[in-house]
Protein backbone atom coordinates (compact mmCIF):
# COMPACT_ATOMS: atom_id res chain seq x y z
CA MET A 1 -20.42 12.70 -6.67
CA GLU A 2 -18.73 15.74 -4.88
CA TYR A 3 -18.75 16.21 -1.38
CA GLY A 4 -18.50 19.58 0.13
CA ILE A 5 -16.72 20.57 3.42
CA ASP A 6 -18.42 22.64 5.92
CA PHE A 7 -16.33 25.57 7.38
CA SER A 8 -19.15 27.16 9.07
CA GLY A 9 -17.73 26.41 12.56
CA LEU A 10 -14.35 28.13 11.37
CA GLU A 11 -14.55 31.31 13.80
CA GLU A 12 -11.55 32.63 15.36
CA ASP A 13 -11.47 32.21 18.78
CA GLU A 14 -10.70 35.77 20.30
CA GLU A 15 -9.31 34.83 23.60
CA ASP A 16 -6.88 33.18 21.47
CA ASP A 17 -6.03 35.67 19.01
CA ALA A 18 -3.41 37.28 20.75
CA GLN A 19 -1.39 34.21 21.47
CA VAL A 20 -1.67 32.90 18.11
CA ALA A 21 -1.07 35.42 15.92
CA GLY A 22 1.80 34.90 13.61
CA LYS A 23 2.16 31.44 14.48
CA LEU A 24 -0.92 29.12 13.64
CA LEU A 25 -2.93 29.00 10.87
CA ASP A 26 -5.77 31.82 10.63
CA PRO A 27 -9.07 30.04 9.36
CA ARG A 28 -8.74 31.31 5.41
CA THR A 29 -5.61 29.39 5.31
CA PHE A 30 -6.87 26.24 7.15
CA GLN A 31 -9.93 26.39 4.54
CA GLU A 32 -7.40 26.49 1.59
CA PHE A 33 -5.53 24.30 3.14
CA VAL A 34 -8.28 21.80 3.95
CA SER A 35 -9.57 22.12 0.53
CA LYS A 36 -5.96 21.52 -1.87
CA ALA A 37 -5.81 18.67 0.48
CA SER A 38 -9.22 17.02 -0.30
CA SER A 39 -9.58 18.06 -3.80
CA ASN A 40 -8.44 14.39 -5.05
CA LEU A 41 -9.55 12.35 -2.10
CA TYR A 42 -12.74 10.06 -3.20
CA HIS A 43 -15.00 8.24 -0.94
CA ALA A 44 -14.86 4.42 -0.12
CA GLY A 45 -17.34 3.44 -2.24
CA ALA A 46 -16.22 5.22 -5.34
CA ALA A 47 -15.31 2.48 -8.19
CA SER A 48 -12.16 4.03 -8.53
CA SER A 49 -11.11 4.70 -5.31
CA GLN A 50 -8.40 1.97 -5.01
CA ASP A 51 -6.98 3.74 -8.18
CA LYS A 52 -7.04 7.18 -6.53
CA MET A 53 -6.43 6.76 -3.23
CA PRO A 54 -2.22 6.80 -3.57
CA ALA A 55 -2.52 9.69 -5.44
CA ALA A 56 -5.02 11.58 -3.08
CA ARG A 57 -2.28 10.48 0.08
CA LEU A 58 0.58 11.99 -1.89
CA ASN A 59 -1.03 15.19 -2.38
CA TYR A 60 -1.96 15.20 1.48
CA ASN A 61 1.35 14.12 2.93
CA LYS A 62 2.83 16.67 0.44
CA LEU A 63 0.93 19.83 1.73
CA ILE A 64 1.29 19.14 5.19
CA GLY A 65 4.65 18.34 4.45
CA GLN A 66 4.83 14.70 5.82
CA GLY A 67 6.05 11.60 4.20
CA VAL A 68 9.09 10.97 2.04
CA TRP A 69 8.47 11.64 -1.71
CA LEU A 70 10.64 12.38 -4.62
CA ASP A 71 10.26 14.04 -7.68
CA VAL A 72 11.97 12.21 -10.83
CA GLU A 73 12.75 12.78 -14.37
CA VAL A 74 10.36 10.12 -16.23
CA ASP A 75 13.12 8.55 -19.05
CA PRO A 76 16.27 6.72 -17.56
CA PRO A 77 18.51 7.05 -15.92
CA PHE A 78 15.76 8.41 -13.66
CA LYS A 79 17.31 12.05 -12.28
CA VAL A 80 16.27 13.08 -8.79
CA LEU A 81 14.57 16.56 -9.60
CA ASP A 82 13.51 17.25 -5.90
CA ALA A 83 13.03 15.33 -2.68
CA SER A 84 11.61 16.08 0.86
CA PRO A 85 13.36 16.95 4.03
CA THR A 86 11.66 13.52 5.24
CA VAL A 87 14.14 11.52 3.07
CA ILE A 88 16.66 11.59 5.64
CA GLU A 89 14.80 9.56 7.78
CA MET A 90 14.49 6.58 5.91
CA PHE A 91 17.57 6.42 3.63
CA GLY A 92 20.14 8.50 5.61
CA PHE A 93 20.73 10.98 2.30
CA ASN A 94 20.20 14.88 3.49
CA GLU A 95 18.19 16.39 -0.11
CA GLN A 96 21.09 17.80 -1.44
CA GLU A 97 22.83 14.18 -1.74
CA ILE A 98 20.27 12.72 -3.66
CA VAL A 99 18.77 15.96 -5.61
CA GLY A 100 20.86 15.94 -9.08
CA ARG A 101 21.51 11.84 -8.68
CA ASN A 102 19.91 9.54 -10.47
CA LEU A 103 17.98 6.58 -8.54
CA ARG A 104 20.58 4.13 -8.93
CA MET A 105 22.21 5.67 -5.79
CA LEU A 106 19.46 3.95 -3.56
CA GLN A 107 19.74 0.86 -5.44
CA GLY A 108 21.16 -2.73 -4.80
CA PRO A 109 21.15 -6.39 -5.32
CA LEU A 110 17.66 -7.00 -4.91
CA THR A 111 16.25 -4.19 -6.14
CA ASN A 112 13.97 -5.72 -9.22
CA THR A 113 15.21 -2.35 -11.35
CA ALA A 114 13.14 -3.63 -13.91
CA GLU A 115 10.14 -3.60 -12.40
CA LEU A 116 11.13 -0.37 -10.92
CA THR A 117 11.36 0.81 -14.43
CA ARG A 118 7.80 -0.51 -15.64
CA ALA A 119 6.28 1.44 -12.52
CA ILE A 120 7.72 4.53 -13.97
CA GLN A 121 6.70 4.09 -17.23
CA GLY A 122 3.35 3.52 -16.36
CA CYS A 123 3.35 6.92 -14.51
CA SER A 124 4.54 8.50 -17.71
CA ASN A 125 1.53 6.98 -19.18
CA GLY A 126 -0.61 8.54 -16.58
CA GLU A 127 -1.17 5.62 -14.34
CA SER A 128 -1.51 5.76 -11.00
CA VAL A 129 0.72 2.92 -10.04
CA GLN A 130 1.39 1.08 -6.51
CA ARG A 131 4.47 -0.68 -6.19
CA MET A 132 6.74 -2.71 -3.70
CA VAL A 133 10.60 -1.89 -4.20
CA VAL A 134 13.82 -3.13 -2.36
CA LEU A 135 15.75 0.14 -1.75
CA TYR A 136 18.54 0.94 0.07
CA ASN A 137 19.98 3.70 2.49
CA LYS A 138 23.32 5.48 2.75
CA GLU A 139 24.81 2.49 4.79
CA GLY A 140 23.93 0.06 2.24
CA GLU A 141 20.89 -1.35 4.39
CA GLU A 142 18.09 -2.82 2.72
CA ARG A 143 14.38 -0.88 2.97
CA VAL A 144 11.10 -2.87 1.94
CA VAL A 145 8.97 -0.18 0.41
CA SER A 146 5.57 0.19 -0.99
CA VAL A 147 5.71 3.48 -3.92
CA GLY A 148 2.94 5.14 -5.24
CA PHE A 149 4.07 6.76 -8.60
CA ARG A 150 2.04 9.23 -10.25
CA LEU A 151 2.39 12.16 -12.78
CA GLU A 152 2.61 15.68 -12.69
CA GLU A 153 3.95 18.58 -14.57
CA VAL A 154 6.88 20.40 -13.66
CA PRO A 155 6.84 23.83 -12.81
CA ASN A 156 7.42 26.51 -15.41
CA SER A 157 8.08 23.89 -18.16
CA ASP A 158 6.55 21.60 -20.73
CA LYS A 159 7.94 19.07 -19.65
CA LYS A 160 6.49 16.29 -17.11
CA LYS A 161 8.16 14.31 -13.93
CA CYS A 162 7.45 11.14 -11.76
CA VAL A 163 6.66 11.81 -8.03
CA ALA A 164 6.97 8.77 -6.00
CA LEU A 165 5.69 8.89 -2.19
CA ILE A 166 7.82 6.04 -0.46
CA GLU A 167 6.30 4.42 2.66
CA HIS A 168 7.84 1.41 4.56
CA GLY A 169 6.32 -1.74 3.62
CA ASP A 170 4.54 -4.11 5.18
CA TRP A 171 6.04 -7.61 4.66
CA VAL A 172 6.69 -11.15 7.09
CA PRO A 173 9.13 -13.02 6.43
CA LYS A 174 8.59 -17.13 4.77
CA LYS A 175 9.50 -18.70 8.37
CA ILE A 176 7.03 -17.00 9.98
CA ALA A 177 4.00 -17.26 7.54
CA ASP A 178 4.89 -20.97 8.14
CA ALA A 179 5.48 -21.42 11.58
CA GLU A 180 3.06 -22.83 13.82
CA ASP A 181 1.68 -19.89 16.48
CA GLY A 182 -1.94 -20.53 17.02
CA ARG A 183 -3.37 -18.39 14.35
CA SER A 184 -5.57 -19.92 12.16
CA LYS A 185 -3.91 -19.15 8.48
CA VAL A 186 -2.87 -20.21 4.97
CA VAL A 187 0.10 -19.44 3.09
CA VAL A 188 -0.17 -19.23 -1.14
CA SER A 189 1.50 -18.28 -3.60
CA SER A 190 1.25 -14.55 -4.61
CA GLU A 191 0.82 -15.72 -8.48
CA LYS A 192 -2.69 -16.88 -9.69
CA PRO A 193 -4.28 -19.02 -9.07
CA TYR A 194 -3.13 -18.92 -5.59
CA SER A 195 -1.44 -22.16 -5.07
CA ILE A 196 -1.85 -23.04 -1.48
CA ALA A 197 1.69 -24.05 0.04
CA SER A 198 0.91 -24.39 3.86
CA MET A 199 -2.06 -24.22 6.71
CA SER A 200 -1.95 -24.34 10.41
CA SER A 201 -3.75 -26.93 12.28
CA LYS A 202 -6.13 -24.07 13.67
CA PHE A 203 -7.15 -23.32 10.27
CA ARG A 204 -8.01 -26.77 9.34
CA VAL A 205 -9.95 -27.10 12.23
CA LEU A 206 -11.41 -23.83 11.24
CA PHE A 207 -12.80 -25.35 7.66
CA GLY A 208 -14.57 -28.36 9.34
CA GLY A 209 -11.42 -30.88 9.47
CA LEU A 210 -9.02 -30.23 6.29
CA GLU A 211 -7.24 -33.00 5.32
CA GLU A 212 -3.65 -30.68 4.15
CA ASP A 213 -2.31 -33.13 1.84
CA LYS A 214 -5.80 -33.14 -0.42
CA ILE A 215 -5.59 -29.38 -0.18
CA VAL A 216 -2.06 -28.12 -0.46
CA GLY A 217 -0.89 -27.28 -4.04
CA ARG A 218 -4.62 -26.57 -4.91
CA SER A 219 -6.03 -23.69 -5.77
CA LEU A 220 -7.19 -21.04 -3.19
CA SER A 221 -10.74 -21.03 -4.69
CA VAL A 222 -11.12 -24.60 -3.06
CA LEU A 223 -12.10 -22.52 0.04
CA PHE A 224 -14.57 -20.65 -1.44
CA GLY A 225 -18.27 -21.40 -3.07
CA PRO A 226 -20.63 -19.38 -5.59
CA ARG A 227 -21.55 -16.81 -3.16
CA THR A 228 -17.80 -15.57 -2.79
CA ASP A 229 -16.87 -11.95 -3.91
CA MET A 230 -13.76 -13.72 -5.84
CA GLN A 231 -13.27 -9.96 -7.73
CA LYS A 232 -13.01 -8.70 -4.99
CA LEU A 233 -10.30 -10.69 -3.09
CA ASP A 234 -8.16 -10.61 -6.21
CA ARG A 235 -8.30 -6.71 -5.89
CA SER A 236 -7.41 -7.32 -2.01
CA MET A 237 -4.63 -9.37 -3.19
CA GLN A 238 -2.92 -7.54 -5.79
CA ALA A 239 -2.88 -4.43 -3.73
CA ALA A 240 -1.04 -6.77 -0.92
CA LYS A 241 1.65 -7.33 -3.95
CA SER A 242 2.75 -3.83 -3.19
CA ALA A 243 3.78 -4.44 0.36
CA ARG A 244 0.35 -3.45 1.56
CA THR A 245 -1.74 -5.41 4.45
CA GLN A 246 -5.13 -6.32 3.28
CA ASN A 247 -7.91 -6.35 5.34
CA LEU A 248 -11.50 -7.93 4.06
CA SER A 249 -14.32 -9.54 5.12
CA LEU A 250 -15.79 -12.99 2.71
CA LEU A 251 -18.34 -16.07 2.31
CA ALA A 252 -16.16 -19.02 2.41
CA CYS A 253 -16.86 -22.69 2.56
CA THR A 254 -16.10 -25.45 4.92
CA ARG A 255 -15.09 -29.06 4.29
CA ASP A 256 -19.06 -30.14 4.17
CA ALA A 257 -19.97 -27.05 1.99
CA GLN A 258 -21.57 -25.15 4.75
CA GLU A 259 -20.85 -21.11 4.20
CA LEU A 260 -18.72 -19.48 6.90
CA LEU A 261 -18.22 -15.65 7.18
CA VAL A 262 -15.11 -14.53 7.60
CA ASP A 263 -12.67 -11.50 8.41
CA LEU A 264 -9.49 -11.88 6.06
CA ILE A 265 -6.41 -10.18 6.30
CA ILE A 266 -3.70 -10.58 3.87
CA TYR A 267 -0.29 -10.17 4.85
CA PRO A 268 2.55 -9.93 2.08
CA VAL A 269 5.61 -12.82 2.11
CA LEU A 270 9.12 -11.66 1.22
CA VAL A 271 11.45 -14.69 -0.16
CA ASN A 272 15.17 -12.50 -1.50
CA GLY A 273 13.33 -9.29 -2.10
CA VAL A 274 10.44 -10.41 -3.44
CA ILE A 275 6.73 -10.76 -2.53
CA SER A 276 6.50 -14.35 -3.55
CA HIS A 277 3.83 -15.91 -1.02
CA PHE A 278 0.35 -14.08 0.82
CA MET A 279 -0.15 -15.30 4.78
CA LEU A 280 -3.78 -14.98 5.12
CA VAL A 281 -5.09 -15.16 8.38
CA MET A 282 -8.57 -15.90 8.60
CA ARG A 283 -11.35 -16.26 11.72
CA ARG A 284 -15.09 -16.11 11.77
CA ALA A 285 -16.65 -12.72 11.51
CA ALA A 286 -17.43 -10.78 14.60
CA GLY A 287 -21.29 -11.72 15.37
CA VAL A 288 -20.96 -15.20 13.56
CA SER A 289 -21.84 -18.23 15.92
CA GLY A 290 -20.74 -21.50 15.40
C-alpha cells in the first residue's frame, strides 16, 4: 500500500515573501524535503512496520539535522566515518574528536561488546537492528542508549557502512521495580518464558486476589488466557529489550478465569548494564468497569 502526500495547500504567501526570502524553505524545497523524509515511513498497521520504523526515524532525523548518529565501518574495529554535530550533546566529544577513531572510545566496563558486534554484523547483512547498549561519554560516565542500525552505501565507493541512530534509552533500576509504590505491577525476567519475580499488592487485587507464593517463579503466561494475543505480547517484550518502553492492551485472566482487558506498559529494568527484567504496569482498560 502506498500513501501520497497532498501538497496542494503549499502556496506562497505574498505578504511574507519579502520577509522570508532566502531565510525559510520555499514550497518546492519543502515538498522535496517532506517527500524524502516520508519515503521510508510505513503505516502503523503494516506487518513489517516494527522492523521499518527505526530506519524511517533515522532517515527523518538525518534529514532535519537532529538526533545523534554515527556512520561506522562494518568490520572491526568499527572505525567512525562520520558523526552528527549533536554527538557532543550526548557524549561530550565533537565530530572532529570522533571521526577517524573507532567505537572503542565510547566503550567501558558495562559495554556488551559482543552484543554490539553482533548488532553491527546483523546490520552488515542488511538487517534493521535495534539494541540497548551502555556507552560512555568523554568524562567516563555511563549512557544507557537505544541504538538503531541500518546499512547504507558509502558515497563514491562500492563499500557499505553501518549507520547508527543513538537515542537515550528507557529504563528503571531494579530497586524501583520491586518497590511498593501504589501501582499495579509485576516484575518478570527478560528472557522467555518471562518468569514472575515479584508483584505488588495492588496487582494481586486487580487479578482477583492472587496468592504471591503460588505465582512467583511461574511463567507470565499464567496471567493470560486462550484469547490473549501472546505473539503481540512477545513482540513488545522483545522491543523493550532495546531500552524502549512499550504500550499495549491485552486480554488477561483473573484468578477465577474471568477475562480482563488491561492497558499494559512494559518498562525495561536495568541491572549491571543489562536489561535483566521487565516491570509490567497494568490497569483495567479505560471504559471497562468492574
